[in-house]
């Protein structure tokens, strides 16, 4: 499954999140995956440098109520890892 962030998501900043321990600001473009395992792709800003086509794989603590961007982004992450 691939879900793309819409203009409404971007306006409401649902596509943005900050990973404090890595000082990383992510602006998601789309999410792929299912169940509890997903990959978010987009632009990452790390120490002022922007990295395009950046990917983060993550696993949710629990499955989202539905497979929508809003539901996926509302669930806390168990772990994550940078893919590129």
C-alpha atoms as a PDB file:
ATOM      1  CA  UNK A   1       0.000   0.000   0.000  1.00  0.00           C
ATOM      2  CA  UNK A   2       1.199   3.512  -0.789  1.00  0.00           C
ATOM      3  CA  UNK A   3      -0.421   6.596   0.719  1.00  0.00           C
ATOM      4  CA  UNK A   4       0.543  10.078  -0.470  1.00  0.00           C
ATOM      5  CA  UNK A   5       0.288  13.140   1.767  1.00  0.00           C
ATOM      6  CA  UNK A   6      -2.311  15.505   0.314  1.00  0.00           C
ATOM      7  CA  UNK A   7      -2.272  19.299   0.267  1.00  0.00           C
ATOM      8  CA  UNK A   8      -4.646  19.174   3.265  1.00  0.00           C
ATOM      9  CA  UNK A   9      -2.194  16.956   5.214  1.00  0.00           C
ATOM     10  CA  UNK A  10       0.635  19.346   4.368  1.00  0.00           C
ATOM     11  CA  UNK A  11      -1.459  22.393   5.355  1.00  0.00           C
ATOM     12  CA  UNK A  12      -2.219  20.754   8.718  1.00  0.00           C
ATOM     13  CA  UNK A  13       1.430  19.609   9.021  1.00  0.00           C
ATOM     14  CA  UNK A  14       0.445  15.955   9.469  1.00  0.00           C
ATOM     15  CA  UNK A  15       3.397  15.155   7.195  1.00  0.00           C
ATOM     16  CA  UNK A  16       5.938  16.735   9.586  1.00  0.00           C
ATOM     17  CA  UNK A  17       7.557  15.271  12.673  1.00  0.00           C
ATOM     18  CA  UNK A  18      10.738  15.748  14.694  1.00  0.00           C
ATOM     19  CA  UNK A  19      12.997  12.968  15.985  1.00  0.00           C
ATOM     20  CA  UNK A  20      14.699  14.648  18.918  1.00  0.00           C
ATOM     21  CA  UNK A  21      17.412  12.067  19.602  1.00  0.00           C
ATOM     22  CA  UNK A  22      18.664  12.394  16.011  1.00  0.00           C
ATOM     23  CA  UNK A  23      17.883  16.131  15.632  1.00  0.00           C
ATOM     24  CA  UNK A  24      15.958  15.289  12.454  1.00  0.00           C
ATOM     25  CA  UNK A  25      12.937  17.132  11.022  1.00  0.00           C
ATOM     26  CA  UNK A  26      11.066  15.033   8.470  1.00  0.00           C
ATOM     27  CA  UNK A  27       8.596  16.271   5.878  1.00  0.00           C
ATOM     28  CA  UNK A  28       6.894  13.179   4.510  1.00  0.00           C
ATOM     29  CA  UNK A  29       5.794  12.863   0.902  1.00  0.00           C
ATOM     30  CA  UNK A  30       4.323   9.355   1.112  1.00  0.00           C
ATOM     31  CA  UNK A  31       4.065   6.240   3.288  1.00  0.00           C
ATOM     32  CA  UNK A  32       4.297   2.616   2.175  1.00  0.00           C
ATOM     33  CA  UNK A  33       3.635  -0.523   4.195  1.00  0.00           C
ATOM     34  CA  UNK A  34       0.907  -2.290   6.125  1.00  0.00           C
ATOM     35  CA  UNK A  35       0.036  -3.615   9.557  1.00  0.00           C
ATOM     36  CA  UNK A  36       2.605  -2.199  11.982  1.00  0.00           C
ATOM     37  CA  UNK A  37       5.529  -1.807   9.538  1.00  0.00           C
ATOM     38  CA  UNK A  38       5.890   1.284   7.340  1.00  0.00           C
ATOM     39  CA  UNK A  39       8.404   3.378   5.439  1.00  0.00           C
ATOM     40  CA  UNK A  40       7.970   7.130   5.213  1.00  0.00           C
ATOM     41  CA  UNK A  41       9.746   8.908   2.347  1.00  0.00           C
ATOM     42  CA  UNK A  42      10.377  12.608   1.989  1.00  0.00           C
ATOM     43  CA  UNK A  43      12.789  15.402   2.846  1.00  0.00           C
ATOM     44  CA  UNK A  44      14.820  15.265   6.060  1.00  0.00           C
ATOM     45  CA  UNK A  45      16.600  18.223   7.625  1.00  0.00           C
ATOM     46  CA  UNK A  46      19.559  17.238   9.796  1.00  0.00           C
ATOM     47  CA  UNK A  47      21.746  19.947  11.326  1.00  0.00           C
ATOM     48  CA  UNK A  48      20.502  22.451   8.749  1.00  0.00           C
ATOM     49  CA  UNK A  49      21.224  20.186   5.745  1.00  0.00           C
ATOM     50  CA  UNK A  50      18.276  18.980   3.626  1.00  0.00           C
ATOM     51  CA  UNK A  51      18.268  15.426   2.273  1.00  0.00           C
ATOM     52  CA  UNK A  52      15.766  14.585  -0.473  1.00  0.00           C
ATOM     53  CA  UNK A  53      14.379  11.081  -1.015  1.00  0.00           C
ATOM     54  CA  UNK A  54      15.195  10.262   2.613  1.00  0.00           C
ATOM     55  CA  UNK A  55      13.497   7.149   4.000  1.00  0.00           C
ATOM     56  CA  UNK A  56      12.741   6.037   7.528  1.00  0.00           C
ATOM     57  CA  UNK A  57      11.462   2.551   8.278  1.00  0.00           C
ATOM     58  CA  UNK A  58       9.382   2.333  11.443  1.00  0.00           C
ATOM     59  CA  UNK A  59       7.219  -0.067  13.390  1.00  0.00           C
ATOM     60  CA  UNK A  60       4.179   1.049  15.326  1.00  0.00           C
ATOM     61  CA  UNK A  61       3.455  -0.109  18.879  1.00  0.00           C
ATOM     62  CA  UNK A  62       0.040  -1.253  17.658  1.00  0.00           C
ATOM     63  CA  UNK A  63      -1.780  -1.523  14.365  1.00  0.00           C
ATOM     64  CA  UNK A  64      -3.577   1.671  13.343  1.00  0.00           C
ATOM     65  CA  UNK A  65      -7.375   1.714  13.590  1.00  0.00           C
ATOM     66  CA  UNK A  66      -7.458   2.048   9.789  1.00  0.00           C
ATOM     67  CA  UNK A  67      -4.893   2.317   7.025  1.00  0.00           C
ATOM     68  CA  UNK A  68      -5.057   6.067   6.563  1.00  0.00           C
ATOM     69  CA  UNK A  69      -2.279   8.601   6.937  1.00  0.00           C
ATOM     70  CA  UNK A  70      -4.041  10.212   9.898  1.00  0.00           C
ATOM     71  CA  UNK A  71      -4.422   6.880  11.740  1.00  0.00           C
ATOM     72  CA  UNK A  72      -0.850   5.745  11.006  1.00  0.00           C
ATOM     73  CA  UNK A  73       0.710   9.042  12.073  1.00  0.00           C
ATOM     74  CA  UNK A  74      -1.351   9.045  15.310  1.00  0.00           C
ATOM     75  CA  UNK A  75       0.158   5.786  16.627  1.00  0.00           C
ATOM     76  CA  UNK A  76       3.378   5.853  18.675  1.00  0.00           C
ATOM     77  CA  UNK A  77       6.447   4.240  17.118  1.00  0.00           C
ATOM     78  CA  UNK A  78       8.157   1.222  18.691  1.00  0.00           C
ATOM     79  CA  UNK A  79      11.388   1.701  16.716  1.00  0.00           C
ATOM     80  CA  UNK A  80      12.757   3.328  13.567  1.00  0.00           C
ATOM     81  CA  UNK A  81      15.795   3.134  11.318  1.00  0.00           C
ATOM     82  CA  UNK A  82      17.168   5.264   8.494  1.00  0.00           C
ATOM     83  CA  UNK A  83      17.254   3.551   5.094  1.00  0.00           C
ATOM     84  CA  UNK A  84      19.091   6.252   3.134  1.00  0.00           C
END
